[in-house]
Amino acid sequence: MRNRISFTRESSKFIAIFYIAHIRHIHLEES
């Protein structure tokens, strides 16, 4: 169970970075 929580936190971090990069990309294209 502890391992699973750790995996979820790592996944969330990766998703957050990917999401921010995606938002920035859209913002750059709009400018």
Protein backbone atom coordinates (compact mmCIF):
# COMPACT_ATOMS: atom_id res chain seq x y z
CA MET A 1 0.00 0.00 0.00
CA ARG A 2 2.81 2.38 0.86
CA ASN A 3 4.50 1.66 -2.47
CA ARG A 4 1.26 2.45 -4.29
CA ILE A 5 0.97 5.88 -2.66
CA SER A 6 4.56 6.67 -3.61
CA PHE A 7 3.84 5.68 -7.21
CA THR A 8 0.75 7.90 -7.28
CA ARG A 9 2.74 10.88 -6.01
CA GLU A 10 5.38 10.37 -8.70
CA SER A 11 2.70 10.06 -11.37
CA SER A 12 0.97 13.23 -10.16
CA LYS A 13 4.28 15.11 -10.34
CA PHE A 14 4.88 13.92 -13.91
CA ILE A 15 1.31 14.75 -14.96
CA ALA A 16 1.58 18.22 -13.41
CA ILE A 17 4.80 18.98 -15.32
CA PHE A 18 3.29 17.69 -18.56
CA TYR A 19 0.10 19.71 -17.98
CA ILE A 20 2.00 22.94 -17.31
CA ALA A 21 4.15 22.40 -20.40
CA HIS A 22 0.99 21.85 -22.46
CA ILE A 23 -0.61 25.07 -21.12
CA ARG A 24 2.58 27.03 -21.85
CA HIS A 25 2.66 25.65 -25.40
CA ILE A 26 -0.92 26.81 -26.04
CA HIS A 27 -0.12 30.22 -24.53
CA LEU A 28 2.91 30.62 -26.82
CA GLU A 29 0.87 29.70 -29.91
CA GLU A 30 -1.79 32.30 -29.04
CA SER A 31 0.72 35.14 -28.77
